[in-house]
Amino acid sequence: MSSLGTFLVAVALLWSCLWMWVAGEGGAVVSLTEHTFNEFVMDPTRHVLVEFFAAWCSHCVEFADTYEQVAHDLRDEPTVKVAKVDGAVWGSLVQRYGIRAYPSFVVFSKTDKSGTRVFQGKRGRFALADFVLAGGRAPGEEVEDSAVVGLTQSTFMEAVMDPSKDVLVNIYPGWCASCGVLAVVFEELAREVR
């Protein structure tokens, strides 16, 4: 085989690998289109983290490996999926959810499929994982119809010191992203024992 033939085979292989990376094949991140988006994202049994990206966006390209790692870290979570939408190709989805910058990360939680839960923190592997595990809630954000009772300084002693009740208290700072994940666990526990 001539060196030109070898070069062309190498370029073809490189192009195939690049295309598989962009298309998300073989990775833990699911690539969505306008045709697959609703069925995948609107499933009420799971939280879905969606990255809206563009192939020409240097920040998106730099973050691609980290985002794949987020999906890999969450692969064993049965109620969480990680996906991406190429906004340059699927502009109708970008318009529908008001995406104004790439990359944008949106959680479609089990209970809120509106697409308004946009990640606002510093992009990082653990911050995004915590965000989707918390259903896109910010740390300390109240849940509608919550089984967890919020305590204040004036209600703390009355609630905690009541000898007729067993009480589990979660005390956390509002800035703690990991605490948002624990808030989901507390909510599930409270619903079970309610």
C-alpha atoms as a PDB file:
ATOM      1  CA  MET A   1       0.000   0.000   0.000  1.00  0.00           C
ATOM      2  CA  SER A   2       1.345   3.391  -0.915  1.00  0.00           C
ATOM      3  CA  SER A   3       1.910   6.070   1.685  1.00  0.00           C
ATOM      4  CA  LEU A   4      -1.021   8.009   0.177  1.00  0.00           C
ATOM      5  CA  GLY A   5      -3.259   4.947   0.617  1.00  0.00           C
ATOM      6  CA  THR A   6      -2.083   4.513   4.214  1.00  0.00           C
ATOM      7  CA  PHE A   7      -2.697   8.187   4.852  1.00  0.00           C
ATOM      8  CA  LEU A   8      -6.258   7.982   3.446  1.00  0.00           C
ATOM      9  CA  VAL A   9      -7.064   4.910   5.564  1.00  0.00           C
ATOM     10  CA  ALA A  10      -5.741   6.710   8.667  1.00  0.00           C
ATOM     11  CA  VAL A  11      -7.826   9.796   7.866  1.00  0.00           C
ATOM     12  CA  ALA A  12     -10.937   7.632   7.346  1.00  0.00           C
ATOM     13  CA  LEU A  13     -10.409   5.883  10.689  1.00  0.00           C
ATOM     14  CA  LEU A  14      -9.836   9.199  12.451  1.00  0.00           C
ATOM     15  CA  TRP A  15     -12.971  10.662  10.875  1.00  0.00           C
ATOM     16  CA  SER A  16     -15.007   7.593  11.973  1.00  0.00           C
ATOM     17  CA  CYS A  17     -13.769   7.952  15.543  1.00  0.00           C
ATOM     18  CA  LEU A  18     -14.518  11.676  15.545  1.00  0.00           C
ATOM     19  CA  TRP A  19     -18.013  11.086  14.161  1.00  0.00           C
ATOM     20  CA  MET A  20     -18.745   8.402  16.794  1.00  0.00           C
ATOM     21  CA  TRP A  21     -17.610  10.841  19.513  1.00  0.00           C
ATOM     22  CA  VAL A  22     -19.809  13.649  18.169  1.00  0.00           C
ATOM     23  CA  ALA A  23     -22.772  11.305  17.690  1.00  0.00           C
ATOM     24  CA  GLY A  24     -22.264   9.790  21.139  1.00  0.00           C
ATOM     25  CA  GLU A  25     -22.114   6.214  19.917  1.00  0.00           C
ATOM     26  CA  GLY A  26     -20.396   3.801  22.237  1.00  0.00           C
ATOM     27  CA  GLY A  27     -20.375   6.274  25.116  1.00  0.00           C
ATOM     28  CA  ALA A  28     -22.535   6.661  28.179  1.00  0.00           C
ATOM     29  CA  VAL A  29     -24.066   9.931  26.914  1.00  0.00           C
ATOM     30  CA  VAL A  30     -27.157   9.441  24.755  1.00  0.00           C
ATOM     31  CA  SER A  31     -27.382  11.679  21.674  1.00  0.00           C
ATOM     32  CA  LEU A  32     -30.885  13.034  21.179  1.00  0.00           C
ATOM     33  CA  THR A  33     -32.571  14.476  18.131  1.00  0.00           C
ATOM     34  CA  GLU A  34     -35.786  16.365  17.626  1.00  0.00           C
ATOM     35  CA  HIS A  35     -37.380  12.974  16.920  1.00  0.00           C
ATOM     36  CA  THR A  36     -36.096  11.112  20.006  1.00  0.00           C
ATOM     37  CA  PHE A  37     -36.074  13.939  22.566  1.00  0.00           C
ATOM     38  CA  ASN A  38     -39.626  13.769  23.962  1.00  0.00           C
ATOM     39  CA  GLU A  39     -39.792  10.016  24.408  1.00  0.00           C
ATOM     40  CA  PHE A  40     -36.420   9.915  26.163  1.00  0.00           C
ATOM     41  CA  VAL A  41     -36.624  13.045  28.305  1.00  0.00           C
ATOM     42  CA  MET A  42     -40.294  13.060  29.292  1.00  0.00           C
ATOM     43  CA  ASP A  43     -40.158   9.636  30.966  1.00  0.00           C
ATOM     44  CA  PRO A  44     -41.606  10.331  34.460  1.00  0.00           C
ATOM     45  CA  THR A  45     -39.528   7.573  36.090  1.00  0.00           C
ATOM     46  CA  ARG A  46     -36.198   9.329  35.744  1.00  0.00           C
ATOM     47  CA  HIS A  47     -34.229  12.545  35.958  1.00  0.00           C
ATOM     48  CA  VAL A  48     -32.487  13.409  32.682  1.00  0.00           C
ATOM     49  CA  LEU A  49     -29.493  15.717  32.421  1.00  0.00           C
ATOM     50  CA  VAL A  50     -29.258  17.208  28.920  1.00  0.00           C
ATOM     51  CA  GLU A  51     -26.296  19.127  27.563  1.00  0.00           C
ATOM     52  CA  PHE A  52     -27.165  21.522  24.769  1.00  0.00           C
ATOM     53  CA  PHE A  53     -23.923  21.916  22.814  1.00  0.00           C
ATOM     54  CA  ALA A  54     -22.529  22.856  19.421  1.00  0.00           C
ATOM     55  CA  ALA A  55     -19.662  21.050  17.708  1.00  0.00           C
ATOM     56  CA  TRP A  56     -18.000  24.403  16.895  1.00  0.00           C
ATOM     57  CA  CYS A  57     -18.045  25.511  20.558  1.00  0.00           C
ATOM     58  CA  SER A  58     -14.547  25.229  22.051  1.00  0.00           C
ATOM     59  CA  HIS A  59     -15.917  25.087  25.631  1.00  0.00           C
ATOM     60  CA  CYS A  60     -18.159  22.179  24.613  1.00  0.00           C
ATOM     61  CA  VAL A  61     -15.278  20.303  23.002  1.00  0.00           C
ATOM     62  CA  GLU A  62     -13.069  20.865  26.061  1.00  0.00           C
ATOM     63  CA  PHE A  63     -15.827  19.647  28.401  1.00  0.00           C
ATOM     64  CA  ALA A  64     -16.845  16.589  26.338  1.00  0.00           C
ATOM     65  CA  ASP A  65     -14.625  14.097  28.194  1.00  0.00           C
ATOM     66  CA  THR A  66     -15.769  15.394  31.574  1.00  0.00           C
ATOM     67  CA  TYR A  67     -19.420  15.142  30.533  1.00  0.00           C
ATOM     68  CA  GLU A  68     -18.840  11.572  29.360  1.00  0.00           C
ATOM     69  CA  GLN A  69     -17.315  10.870  32.795  1.00  0.00           C
ATOM     70  CA  VAL A  70     -20.439  12.288  34.495  1.00  0.00           C
ATOM     71  CA  ALA A  71     -22.538   9.847  32.466  1.00  0.00           C
ATOM     72  CA  HIS A  72     -20.148   7.015  33.284  1.00  0.00           C
ATOM     73  CA  ASP A  73     -20.309   7.852  37.011  1.00  0.00           C
ATOM     74  CA  LEU A  74     -24.121   7.790  36.930  1.00  0.00           C
ATOM     75  CA  ARG A  75     -24.557   4.714  34.721  1.00  0.00           C
ATOM     76  CA  ASP A  76     -25.669   2.530  37.651  1.00  0.00           C
ATOM     77  CA  GLU A  77     -28.292   5.031  38.852  1.00  0.00           C
ATOM     78  CA  PRO A  78     -31.578   3.544  37.564  1.00  0.00           C
ATOM     79  CA  THR A  79     -33.463   6.836  37.823  1.00  0.00           C
ATOM     80  CA  VAL A  80     -30.876   9.022  36.051  1.00  0.00           C
ATOM     81  CA  LYS A  81     -29.923   9.353  32.385  1.00  0.00           C
ATOM     82  CA  VAL A  82     -27.416  11.683  30.721  1.00  0.00           C
ATOM     83  CA  ALA A  83     -27.960  12.977  27.193  1.00  0.00           C
ATOM     84  CA  LYS A  84     -26.894  15.677  24.771  1.00  0.00           C
ATOM     85  CA  VAL A  85     -28.449  17.685  21.953  1.00  0.00           C
ATOM     86  CA  ASP A  86     -26.457  19.304  19.163  1.00  0.00           C
ATOM     87  CA  GLY A  87     -28.068  22.729  19.188  1.00  0.00           C
ATOM     88  CA  ALA A  88     -26.518  23.675  15.866  1.00  0.00           C
ATOM     89  CA  VAL A  89     -28.444  20.809  14.265  1.00  0.00           C
ATOM     90  CA  TRP A  90     -31.613  20.751  16.386  1.00  0.00           C
ATOM     91  CA  GLY A  91     -32.341  24.476  16.685  1.00  0.00           C
ATOM     92  CA  SER A  92     -36.027  23.875  17.396  1.00  0.00           C
ATOM     93  CA  LEU A  93     -35.098  22.264  20.737  1.00  0.00           C
ATOM     94  CA  VAL A  94     -32.775  25.172  21.534  1.00  0.00           C
ATOM     95  CA  GLN A  95     -35.625  27.598  20.884  1.00  0.00           C
ATOM     96  CA  ARG A  96     -38.184  25.533  22.807  1.00  0.00           C
ATOM     97  CA  TYR A  97     -36.064  25.583  25.970  1.00  0.00           C
ATOM     98  CA  GLY A  98     -34.660  29.094  25.593  1.00  0.00           C
ATOM     99  CA  ILE A  99     -31.022  28.026  25.393  1.00  0.00           C
ATOM    100  CA  ARG A 100     -28.858  31.127  24.998  1.00  0.00           C
ATOM    101  CA  ALA A 101     -25.326  29.767  25.385  1.00  0.00           C
ATOM    102  CA  TYR A 102     -23.312  26.605  24.793  1.00  0.00           C
ATOM    103  CA  PRO A 103     -22.835  24.456  26.655  1.00  0.00           C
ATOM    104  CA  SER A 104     -26.027  24.621  28.721  1.00  0.00           C
ATOM    105  CA  PHE A 105     -27.001  21.850  31.118  1.00  0.00           C
ATOM    106  CA  VAL A 106     -30.686  21.318  31.889  1.00  0.00           C
ATOM    107  CA  VAL A 107     -32.279  18.784  34.233  1.00  0.00           C
ATOM    108  CA  PHE A 108     -35.664  17.391  33.344  1.00  0.00           C
ATOM    109  CA  SER A 109     -36.579  15.901  36.714  1.00  0.00           C
ATOM    110  CA  LYS A 110     -39.150  13.199  37.372  1.00  0.00           C
ATOM    111  CA  THR A 111     -41.606  15.839  38.555  1.00  0.00           C
ATOM    112  CA  ASP A 112     -40.584  18.877  36.475  1.00  0.00           C
ATOM    113  CA  LYS A 113     -40.198  18.363  32.748  1.00  0.00           C
ATOM    114  CA  SER A 114     -40.443  22.086  31.942  1.00  0.00           C
ATOM    115  CA  GLY A 115     -36.750  22.465  31.126  1.00  0.00           C
ATOM    116  CA  THR A 116     -36.329  25.416  33.469  1.00  0.00           C
ATOM    117  CA  ARG A 117     -33.856  23.725  35.809  1.00  0.00           C
ATOM    118  CA  VAL A 118     -30.663  25.052  34.218  1.00  0.00           C
ATOM    119  CA  PHE A 119     -27.327  24.401  35.888  1.00  0.00           C
ATOM    120  CA  GLN A 120     -25.838  27.708  37.075  1.00  0.00           C
ATOM    121  CA  GLY A 121     -22.774  26.517  38.970  1.00  0.00           C
ATOM    122  CA  LYS A 122     -19.147  26.007  38.049  1.00  0.00           C
ATOM    123  CA  ARG A 123     -18.979  23.247  35.448  1.00  0.00           C
ATOM    124  CA  GLY A 124     -17.459  20.149  36.924  1.00  0.00           C
ATOM    125  CA  ARG A 125     -17.942  16.419  37.065  1.00  0.00           C
ATOM    126  CA  PHE A 126     -19.223  16.196  40.623  1.00  0.00           C
ATOM    127  CA  ALA A 127     -21.253  19.407  40.528  1.00  0.00           C
ATOM    128  CA  LEU A 128     -23.233  18.187  37.511  1.00  0.00           C
ATOM    129  CA  ALA A 129     -23.715  14.728  39.018  1.00  0.00           C
ATOM    130  CA  ASP A 130     -24.996  16.269  42.252  1.00  0.00           C
ATOM    131  CA  PHE A 131     -27.286  18.583  40.286  1.00  0.00           C
ATOM    132  CA  VAL A 132     -29.000  15.780  38.363  1.00  0.00           C
ATOM    133  CA  LEU A 133     -29.213  13.497  41.419  1.00  0.00           C
ATOM    134  CA  ALA A 134     -30.996  16.320  43.236  1.00  0.00           C
ATOM    135  CA  GLY A 135     -33.474  16.566  40.373  1.00  0.00           C
ATOM    136  CA  GLY A 136     -32.083  19.922  39.314  1.00  0.00           C
ATOM    137  CA  ARG A 137     -32.867  21.535  42.645  1.00  0.00           C
ATOM    138  CA  ALA A 138     -30.526  24.064  44.136  1.00  0.00           C
ATOM    139  CA  PRO A 139     -29.258  23.270  47.644  1.00  0.00           C
ATOM    140  CA  GLY A 140     -31.914  24.223  50.184  1.00  0.00           C
ATOM    141  CA  GLU A 141     -34.669  24.676  47.587  1.00  0.00           C
ATOM    142  CA  GLU A 142     -38.065  23.744  48.972  1.00  0.00           C
ATOM    143  CA  VAL A 143     -40.074  20.955  47.354  1.00  0.00           C
ATOM    144  CA  GLU A 144     -43.790  21.385  46.651  1.00  0.00           C
ATOM    145  CA  ASP A 145     -45.878  18.954  48.730  1.00  0.00           C
ATOM    146  CA  SER A 146     -42.778  17.943  50.653  1.00  0.00           C
ATOM    147  CA  ALA A 147     -42.936  15.295  53.338  1.00  0.00           C
ATOM    148  CA  VAL A 148     -39.897  16.913  54.966  1.00  0.00           C
ATOM    149  CA  VAL A 149     -40.701  19.527  57.598  1.00  0.00           C
ATOM    150  CA  GLY A 150     -38.577  22.651  57.398  1.00  0.00           C
ATOM    151  CA  LEU A 151     -37.394  23.829  60.789  1.00  0.00           C
ATOM    152  CA  THR A 152     -36.658  27.336  61.902  1.00  0.00           C
ATOM    153  CA  GLN A 153     -34.983  28.601  65.042  1.00  0.00           C
ATOM    154  CA  SER A 154     -38.386  29.039  66.670  1.00  0.00           C
ATOM    155  CA  THR A 155     -39.768  25.582  65.715  1.00  0.00           C
ATOM    156  CA  PHE A 156     -36.610  23.512  66.153  1.00  0.00           C
ATOM    157  CA  MET A 157     -36.835  22.762  69.887  1.00  0.00           C
ATOM    158  CA  GLU A 158     -40.563  21.966  69.776  1.00  0.00           C
ATOM    159  CA  ALA A 159     -40.164  19.527  66.878  1.00  0.00           C
ATOM    160  CA  VAL A 160     -36.958  17.852  68.002  1.00  0.00           C
ATOM    161  CA  MET A 161     -37.721  17.566  71.711  1.00  0.00           C
ATOM    162  CA  ASP A 162     -41.205  16.035  71.325  1.00  0.00           C
ATOM    163  CA  PRO A 163     -40.877  12.681  73.164  1.00  0.00           C
ATOM    164  CA  SER A 164     -43.744  11.164  71.156  1.00  0.00           C
ATOM    165  CA  LYS A 165     -41.828  11.431  67.858  1.00  0.00           C
ATOM    166  CA  ASP A 166     -38.689   9.976  66.381  1.00  0.00           C
ATOM    167  CA  VAL A 167     -36.964  12.781  64.510  1.00  0.00           C
ATOM    168  CA  LEU A 168     -34.144  12.753  61.988  1.00  0.00           C
ATOM    169  CA  VAL A 169     -32.675  16.199  61.307  1.00  0.00           C
ATOM    170  CA  ASN A 170     -30.522  17.219  58.373  1.00  0.00           C
ATOM    171  CA  ILE A 171     -28.605  20.410  59.111  1.00  0.00           C
ATOM    172  CA  TYR A 172     -26.747  21.776  56.102  1.00  0.00           C
ATOM    173  CA  PRO A 173     -25.477  25.040  54.666  1.00  0.00           C
ATOM    174  CA  GLY A 174     -27.377  26.478  51.700  1.00  0.00           C
ATOM    175  CA  TRP A 175     -24.263  26.595  49.505  1.00  0.00           C
ATOM    176  CA  CYS A 176     -23.575  22.840  49.695  1.00  0.00           C
ATOM    177  CA  ALA A 177     -24.255  21.129  46.341  1.00  0.00           C
ATOM    178  CA  SER A 178     -23.809  17.611  47.769  1.00  0.00           C
ATOM    179  CA  CYS A 179     -26.400  18.435  50.423  1.00  0.00           C
ATOM    180  CA  GLY A 180     -28.934  18.864  47.622  1.00  0.00           C
ATOM    181  CA  VAL A 181     -28.427  15.188  46.812  1.00  0.00           C
ATOM    182  CA  LEU A 182     -29.011  14.277  50.447  1.00  0.00           C
ATOM    183  CA  ALA A 183     -32.187  16.387  50.397  1.00  0.00           C
ATOM    184  CA  VAL A 184     -33.599  14.016  47.769  1.00  0.00           C
ATOM    185  CA  VAL A 185     -32.797  11.040  50.007  1.00  0.00           C
ATOM    186  CA  PHE A 186     -34.461  12.783  52.972  1.00  0.00           C
ATOM    187  CA  GLU A 187     -37.561  13.467  50.863  1.00  0.00           C
ATOM    188  CA  GLU A 188     -37.831   9.813  49.822  1.00  0.00           C
ATOM    189  CA  LEU A 189     -37.296   8.639  53.397  1.00  0.00           C
ATOM    190  CA  ALA A 190     -39.894  11.072  54.754  1.00  0.00           C
ATOM    191  CA  ARG A 191     -42.461   9.913  52.175  1.00  0.00           C
ATOM    192  CA  GLU A 192     -41.871   6.279  53.190  1.00  0.00           C
ATOM    193  CA  VAL A 193     -42.390   6.900  56.914  1.00  0.00           C
ATOM    194  CA  ARG A 194     -45.157   9.504  56.576  1.00  0.00           C
END
